[in-house]
Amino acid sequence: MGHKRLEILTEESSMELFLRGILPRVLPSGYTLDENCFIRPHQGKSDLKKSIPKKMRVYSKSPYPTKVMIIHDQDSNDCKKLKQELSELARASSSDDFPFLVRIACRELENWYLGDFDSLEKVYPEIKSKRQSMKKKFRNPDNVTGSHEIKMLTRQFSKAATARSMGPTIAIESNRSPSFQQFVLGLSKLLNEH
């Protein structure tokens, strides 16, 4: 393992559970979970926002080349404003050329699952993938409220269990969620830049 590191800041633990499943599938070689790639879950939005300046100060002084990714749910916020606010928070506490990236899950992590109904049906067989993926409202899954839609389709829904199941199986290239695609592209760009 080289000395490079990746630190991922998330607002809560279900995103951490999801990332534990998907990261081994998308991290470029040279990055390994819990060796030089770390996920830091927080206790919600305000905890994450409070933590960004402190963590960025520490990371930017690290003896190892460190890169940071901040992942935040959009919920009812304006995506661009939120991304700008988090970027300014991170930039203010680190050096100008410090490599970091902010990604917003539109509207929340669960929307990414709606981008791949086949995998969601494997977790909840009562969700009929073919029928759901034909629905107009799911053409762009980022436009609905993900957890609400999944709760309408199954009574079994659990944030943590779904995150744990979807990470290892969710479709990467064919996922219909634009914000999921932005997350995957952004991660690859961040880690492949020198």
C-alpha atoms as a PDB file:
ATOM      1  CA  MET A   1       0.000   0.000   0.000  1.00  0.00           C
ATOM      2  CA  GLY A   2       1.326   3.412  -0.906  1.00  0.00           C
ATOM      3  CA  HIS A   3       0.887   6.310   1.473  1.00  0.00           C
ATOM      4  CA  LYS A   4      -2.088   7.855  -0.316  1.00  0.00           C
ATOM      5  CA  ARG A   5      -5.409   8.019   1.526  1.00  0.00           C
ATOM      6  CA  LEU A   6      -9.047   8.596   0.781  1.00  0.00           C
ATOM      7  CA  GLU A   7     -11.375   9.922   3.483  1.00  0.00           C
ATOM      8  CA  ILE A   8     -15.125   9.806   2.838  1.00  0.00           C
ATOM      9  CA  LEU A   9     -17.393  11.877   5.091  1.00  0.00           C
ATOM     10  CA  THR A  10     -21.056  10.838   5.169  1.00  0.00           C
ATOM     11  CA  GLU A  11     -23.948  12.280   7.117  1.00  0.00           C
ATOM     12  CA  GLU A  12     -25.200   8.980   8.549  1.00  0.00           C
ATOM     13  CA  SER A  13     -24.528   5.277   8.908  1.00  0.00           C
ATOM     14  CA  SER A  14     -26.783   3.876   6.158  1.00  0.00           C
ATOM     15  CA  MET A  15     -24.566   5.596   3.563  1.00  0.00           C
ATOM     16  CA  GLU A  16     -21.565   3.979   5.259  1.00  0.00           C
ATOM     17  CA  LEU A  17     -23.217   0.531   5.013  1.00  0.00           C
ATOM     18  CA  PHE A  18     -23.980   1.127   1.332  1.00  0.00           C
ATOM     19  CA  LEU A  19     -20.435   2.349   0.589  1.00  0.00           C
ATOM     20  CA  ARG A  20     -18.921  -0.709   2.298  1.00  0.00           C
ATOM     21  CA  GLY A  21     -20.664  -2.829  -0.327  1.00  0.00           C
ATOM     22  CA  ILE A  22     -20.045  -0.707  -3.397  1.00  0.00           C
ATOM     23  CA  LEU A  23     -16.538   0.718  -2.829  1.00  0.00           C
ATOM     24  CA  PRO A  24     -14.649  -2.567  -3.354  1.00  0.00           C
ATOM     25  CA  ARG A  25     -16.375  -2.676  -6.775  1.00  0.00           C
ATOM     26  CA  VAL A  26     -15.486   0.884  -7.854  1.00  0.00           C
ATOM     27  CA  LEU A  27     -12.230   1.854  -6.105  1.00  0.00           C
ATOM     28  CA  PRO A  28      -9.236   1.997  -8.461  1.00  0.00           C
ATOM     29  CA  SER A  29      -6.284  -0.244  -7.678  1.00  0.00           C
ATOM     30  CA  GLY A  30      -4.125   1.105  -4.885  1.00  0.00           C
ATOM     31  CA  TYR A  31      -7.141   1.920  -2.684  1.00  0.00           C
ATOM     32  CA  THR A  32      -8.448  -0.601  -0.148  1.00  0.00           C
ATOM     33  CA  LEU A  33     -11.295  -0.104   2.318  1.00  0.00           C
ATOM     34  CA  ASP A  34     -10.105   0.271   5.943  1.00  0.00           C
ATOM     35  CA  GLU A  35      -6.453   0.303   4.855  1.00  0.00           C
ATOM     36  CA  ASN A  36      -6.132   3.605   3.041  1.00  0.00           C
ATOM     37  CA  CYS A  37      -9.788   4.345   2.310  1.00  0.00           C
ATOM     38  CA  PHE A  38     -11.888   5.303   5.326  1.00  0.00           C
ATOM     39  CA  ILE A  39     -15.588   6.084   5.701  1.00  0.00           C
ATOM     40  CA  ARG A  40     -16.473   8.528   8.499  1.00  0.00           C
ATOM     41  CA  PRO A  41     -20.223   8.531   9.226  1.00  0.00           C
ATOM     42  CA  HIS A  42     -21.742  11.413  11.200  1.00  0.00           C
ATOM     43  CA  GLN A  43     -24.862  11.873  13.313  1.00  0.00           C
ATOM     44  CA  GLY A  44     -26.844  13.743  10.678  1.00  0.00           C
ATOM     45  CA  LYS A  45     -26.398  16.932   8.695  1.00  0.00           C
ATOM     46  CA  SER A  46     -25.455  19.435  11.387  1.00  0.00           C
ATOM     47  CA  ASP A  47     -22.866  17.037  12.818  1.00  0.00           C
ATOM     48  CA  LEU A  48     -21.328  16.611   9.354  1.00  0.00           C
ATOM     49  CA  LYS A  49     -21.260  20.374   8.729  1.00  0.00           C
ATOM     50  CA  LYS A  50     -19.621  21.021  12.107  1.00  0.00           C
ATOM     51  CA  SER A  51     -17.076  18.318  11.450  1.00  0.00           C
ATOM     52  CA  ILE A  52     -15.967  19.391   7.923  1.00  0.00           C
ATOM     53  CA  PRO A  53     -13.735  22.358   8.944  1.00  0.00           C
ATOM     54  CA  LYS A  54     -12.014  20.387  11.730  1.00  0.00           C
ATOM     55  CA  LYS A  55     -11.415  17.334   9.568  1.00  0.00           C
ATOM     56  CA  MET A  56     -10.242  19.344   6.560  1.00  0.00           C
ATOM     57  CA  ARG A  57      -7.653  21.139   8.715  1.00  0.00           C
ATOM     58  CA  VAL A  58      -6.311  17.794   9.917  1.00  0.00           C
ATOM     59  CA  TYR A  59      -6.360  16.143   6.476  1.00  0.00           C
ATOM     60  CA  SER A  60      -4.653  19.050   4.747  1.00  0.00           C
ATOM     61  CA  LYS A  61      -1.750  18.775   7.203  1.00  0.00           C
ATOM     62  CA  SER A  62      -1.451  15.008   6.758  1.00  0.00           C
ATOM     63  CA  PRO A  63       2.035  13.736   5.855  1.00  0.00           C
ATOM     64  CA  TYR A  64       0.319  11.473   3.272  1.00  0.00           C
ATOM     65  CA  PRO A  65      -1.363  12.694   0.087  1.00  0.00           C
ATOM     66  CA  THR A  66      -5.003  12.631   1.211  1.00  0.00           C
ATOM     67  CA  LYS A  67      -8.147  13.123  -0.861  1.00  0.00           C
ATOM     68  CA  VAL A  68     -11.580  13.769   0.629  1.00  0.00           C
ATOM     69  CA  MET A  69     -15.072  13.040  -0.628  1.00  0.00           C
ATOM     70  CA  ILE A  70     -18.087  14.518   1.178  1.00  0.00           C
ATOM     71  CA  ILE A  71     -21.449  12.846   0.515  1.00  0.00           C
ATOM     72  CA  HIS A  72     -24.630  14.596   1.646  1.00  0.00           C
ATOM     73  CA  ASP A  73     -28.327  13.965   0.959  1.00  0.00           C
ATOM     74  CA  GLN A  74     -30.123  16.723  -0.911  1.00  0.00           C
ATOM     75  CA  ASP A  75     -33.455  16.211   0.865  1.00  0.00           C
ATOM     76  CA  SER A  76     -35.348  19.486   0.401  1.00  0.00           C
ATOM     77  CA  ASN A  77     -32.269  21.622  -0.317  1.00  0.00           C
ATOM     78  CA  ASP A  78     -31.318  23.204  -3.604  1.00  0.00           C
ATOM     79  CA  CYS A  79     -28.610  20.859  -4.967  1.00  0.00           C
ATOM     80  CA  LYS A  80     -26.300  23.550  -6.356  1.00  0.00           C
ATOM     81  CA  LYS A  81     -26.523  25.788  -3.289  1.00  0.00           C
ATOM     82  CA  LEU A  82     -25.894  22.885  -0.938  1.00  0.00           C
ATOM     83  CA  LYS A  83     -22.910  21.681  -2.945  1.00  0.00           C
ATOM     84  CA  GLN A  84     -21.494  25.217  -3.014  1.00  0.00           C
ATOM     85  CA  GLU A  85     -22.030  25.683   0.735  1.00  0.00           C
ATOM     86  CA  LEU A  86     -20.253  22.398   1.573  1.00  0.00           C
ATOM     87  CA  SER A  87     -17.436  23.146  -0.889  1.00  0.00           C
ATOM     88  CA  GLU A  88     -16.865  26.584   0.634  1.00  0.00           C
ATOM     89  CA  LEU A  89     -16.848  25.056   4.113  1.00  0.00           C
ATOM     90  CA  ALA A  90     -14.209  22.526   3.042  1.00  0.00           C
ATOM     91  CA  ARG A  91     -12.141  25.009   1.026  1.00  0.00           C
ATOM     92  CA  ALA A  92     -12.034  27.549   3.896  1.00  0.00           C
ATOM     93  CA  SER A  93     -10.292  25.043   6.165  1.00  0.00           C
ATOM     94  CA  SER A  94      -7.751  23.579   3.747  1.00  0.00           C
ATOM     95  CA  SER A  95      -5.082  24.737   1.335  1.00  0.00           C
ATOM     96  CA  ASP A  96      -6.149  25.976  -2.101  1.00  0.00           C
ATOM     97  CA  ASP A  97      -4.960  22.933  -4.007  1.00  0.00           C
ATOM     98  CA  PHE A  98      -6.210  20.345  -1.526  1.00  0.00           C
ATOM     99  CA  PRO A  99      -8.120  17.633  -3.490  1.00  0.00           C
ATOM    100  CA  PHE A 100     -11.689  17.145  -2.298  1.00  0.00           C
ATOM    101  CA  LEU A 101     -15.054  16.571  -3.873  1.00  0.00           C
ATOM    102  CA  VAL A 102     -18.639  17.113  -2.716  1.00  0.00           C
ATOM    103  CA  ARG A 103     -21.348  14.796  -4.028  1.00  0.00           C
ATOM    104  CA  ILE A 104     -25.055  15.229  -3.317  1.00  0.00           C
ATOM    105  CA  ALA A 105     -27.397  12.212  -3.309  1.00  0.00           C
ATOM    106  CA  CYS A 106     -30.554  13.506  -4.995  1.00  0.00           C
ATOM    107  CA  ARG A 107     -32.733  13.418  -2.996  1.00  0.00           C
ATOM    108  CA  GLU A 108     -31.336  10.763  -0.700  1.00  0.00           C
ATOM    109  CA  LEU A 109     -29.448   7.478  -0.825  1.00  0.00           C
ATOM    110  CA  GLU A 110     -32.661   5.523  -1.511  1.00  0.00           C
ATOM    111  CA  ASN A 111     -33.070   7.286  -4.870  1.00  0.00           C
ATOM    112  CA  TRP A 112     -29.935   5.495  -6.054  1.00  0.00           C
ATOM    113  CA  TYR A 113     -31.664   2.159  -5.396  1.00  0.00           C
ATOM    114  CA  LEU A 114     -34.612   3.235  -7.552  1.00  0.00           C
ATOM    115  CA  GLY A 115     -32.108   3.578 -10.396  1.00  0.00           C
ATOM    116  CA  ASP A 116     -31.793  -0.217 -10.326  1.00  0.00           C
ATOM    117  CA  PHE A 117     -35.114  -1.951  -9.692  1.00  0.00           C
ATOM    118  CA  ASP A 118     -33.695  -5.400 -10.539  1.00  0.00           C
ATOM    119  CA  SER A 119     -31.352  -5.308  -7.536  1.00  0.00           C
ATOM    120  CA  LEU A 120     -34.078  -3.805  -5.349  1.00  0.00           C
ATOM    121  CA  GLU A 121     -36.405  -6.671  -6.299  1.00  0.00           C
ATOM    122  CA  LYS A 122     -33.734  -9.164  -5.150  1.00  0.00           C
ATOM    123  CA  VAL A 123     -33.886  -7.561  -1.685  1.00  0.00           C
ATOM    124  CA  TYR A 124     -37.692  -7.179  -1.704  1.00  0.00           C
ATOM    125  CA  PRO A 125     -39.258  -9.738  -4.107  1.00  0.00           C
ATOM    126  CA  GLU A 126     -42.670  -8.064  -3.680  1.00  0.00           C
ATOM    127  CA  ILE A 127     -41.309  -5.047  -5.599  1.00  0.00           C
ATOM    128  CA  LYS A 128     -41.889  -6.124  -9.176  1.00  0.00           C
ATOM    129  CA  SER A 129     -38.973  -4.636 -11.097  1.00  0.00           C
ATOM    130  CA  LYS A 130     -40.484  -4.853 -14.586  1.00  0.00           C
ATOM    131  CA  ARG A 131     -43.707  -3.143 -13.546  1.00  0.00           C
ATOM    132  CA  GLN A 132     -41.983  -0.376 -11.528  1.00  0.00           C
ATOM    133  CA  SER A 133     -39.225   0.463 -13.996  1.00  0.00           C
ATOM    134  CA  MET A 134     -41.863   1.099 -16.681  1.00  0.00           C
ATOM    135  CA  LYS A 135     -43.485   3.838 -14.593  1.00  0.00           C
ATOM    136  CA  LYS A 136     -42.919   7.326 -15.891  1.00  0.00           C
ATOM    137  CA  LYS A 137     -42.106   8.775 -12.447  1.00  0.00           C
ATOM    138  CA  PHE A 138     -39.093   6.441 -12.164  1.00  0.00           C
ATOM    139  CA  ARG A 139     -37.526   7.400 -15.509  1.00  0.00           C
ATOM    140  CA  ASN A 140     -35.425   9.846 -13.538  1.00  0.00           C
ATOM    141  CA  PRO A 141     -35.378   8.391 -10.024  1.00  0.00           C
ATOM    142  CA  ASP A 142     -33.766  11.566  -8.644  1.00  0.00           C
ATOM    143  CA  ASN A 143     -37.084  13.395  -9.000  1.00  0.00           C
ATOM    144  CA  VAL A 144     -39.008  11.411  -6.355  1.00  0.00           C
ATOM    145  CA  THR A 145     -38.503  10.928  -2.617  1.00  0.00           C
ATOM    146  CA  GLY A 146     -36.670   7.605  -2.572  1.00  0.00           C
ATOM    147  CA  SER A 147     -37.409   6.200   0.890  1.00  0.00           C
ATOM    148  CA  HIS A 148     -41.080   7.215   0.631  1.00  0.00           C
ATOM    149  CA  GLU A 149     -41.447   5.438  -2.740  1.00  0.00           C
ATOM    150  CA  ILE A 150     -39.795   2.253  -1.458  1.00  0.00           C
ATOM    151  CA  LYS A 151     -42.006   2.277   1.664  1.00  0.00           C
ATOM    152  CA  MET A 152     -45.040   2.463  -0.647  1.00  0.00           C
ATOM    153  CA  LEU A 153     -43.820  -0.659  -2.454  1.00  0.00           C
ATOM    154  CA  THR A 154     -42.887  -2.795   0.559  1.00  0.00           C
ATOM    155  CA  ARG A 155     -43.720  -2.892   4.235  1.00  0.00           C
ATOM    156  CA  GLN A 156     -40.390  -4.581   4.954  1.00  0.00           C
ATOM    157  CA  PHE A 157     -38.234  -1.520   4.180  1.00  0.00           C
ATOM    158  CA  SER A 158     -35.323  -0.935   6.541  1.00  0.00           C
ATOM    159  CA  LYS A 159     -32.744   1.776   5.832  1.00  0.00           C
ATOM    160  CA  ALA A 160     -29.789  -0.170   7.232  1.00  0.00           C
ATOM    161  CA  ALA A 161     -30.681  -3.604   5.827  1.00  0.00           C
ATOM    162  CA  THR A 162     -31.350  -2.175   2.362  1.00  0.00           C
ATOM    163  CA  ALA A 163     -28.082  -0.214   2.370  1.00  0.00           C
ATOM    164  CA  ARG A 164     -26.185  -3.366   3.373  1.00  0.00           C
ATOM    165  CA  SER A 165     -27.865  -5.455   0.634  1.00  0.00           C
ATOM    166  CA  MET A 166     -27.760  -2.914  -2.200  1.00  0.00           C
ATOM    167  CA  GLY A 167     -24.080  -1.893  -1.971  1.00  0.00           C
ATOM    168  CA  PRO A 168     -22.667  -5.208  -3.272  1.00  0.00           C
ATOM    169  CA  THR A 169     -25.308  -5.694  -6.000  1.00  0.00           C
ATOM    170  CA  ILE A 170     -26.466  -2.298  -7.322  1.00  0.00           C
ATOM    171  CA  ALA A 171     -25.931  -1.853 -11.070  1.00  0.00           C
ATOM    172  CA  ILE A 172     -23.165   0.639 -11.726  1.00  0.00           C
ATOM    173  CA  GLU A 173     -23.095   1.436 -15.466  1.00  0.00           C
ATOM    174  CA  SER A 174     -26.818   0.970 -16.088  1.00  0.00           C
ATOM    175  CA  ASN A 175     -28.106   2.783 -12.975  1.00  0.00           C
ATOM    176  CA  ARG A 176     -30.749   5.342 -13.994  1.00  0.00           C
ATOM    177  CA  SER A 177     -30.060   7.807 -11.177  1.00  0.00           C
ATOM    178  CA  PRO A 178     -28.062  10.790 -12.501  1.00  0.00           C
ATOM    179  CA  SER A 179     -26.762  11.643  -9.023  1.00  0.00           C
ATOM    180  CA  PHE A 180     -25.541   8.041  -8.580  1.00  0.00           C
ATOM    181  CA  GLN A 181     -23.692   8.334 -11.901  1.00  0.00           C
ATOM    182  CA  GLN A 182     -22.172  11.638 -10.713  1.00  0.00           C
ATOM    183  CA  PHE A 183     -21.002   9.913  -7.526  1.00  0.00           C
ATOM    184  CA  VAL A 184     -19.259   7.084  -9.441  1.00  0.00           C
ATOM    185  CA  LEU A 185     -17.703   9.426 -12.029  1.00  0.00           C
ATOM    186  CA  GLY A 186     -16.631  11.905  -9.381  1.00  0.00           C
ATOM    187  CA  LEU A 187     -14.947   9.247  -7.270  1.00  0.00           C
ATOM    188  CA  SER A 188     -13.019   7.912 -10.242  1.00  0.00           C
ATOM    189  CA  LYS A 189     -11.949  11.405 -11.325  1.00  0.00           C
ATOM    190  CA  LEU A 190     -10.879  12.396  -7.796  1.00  0.00           C
ATOM    191  CA  LEU A 191      -8.780   9.264  -7.309  1.00  0.00           C
ATOM    192  CA  ASN A 192      -7.210   9.204 -10.762  1.00  0.00           C
ATOM    193  CA  GLU A 193      -6.064  12.834 -10.659  1.00  0.00           C
ATOM    194  CA  HIS A 194      -2.470  13.271  -9.590  1.00  0.00           C
END
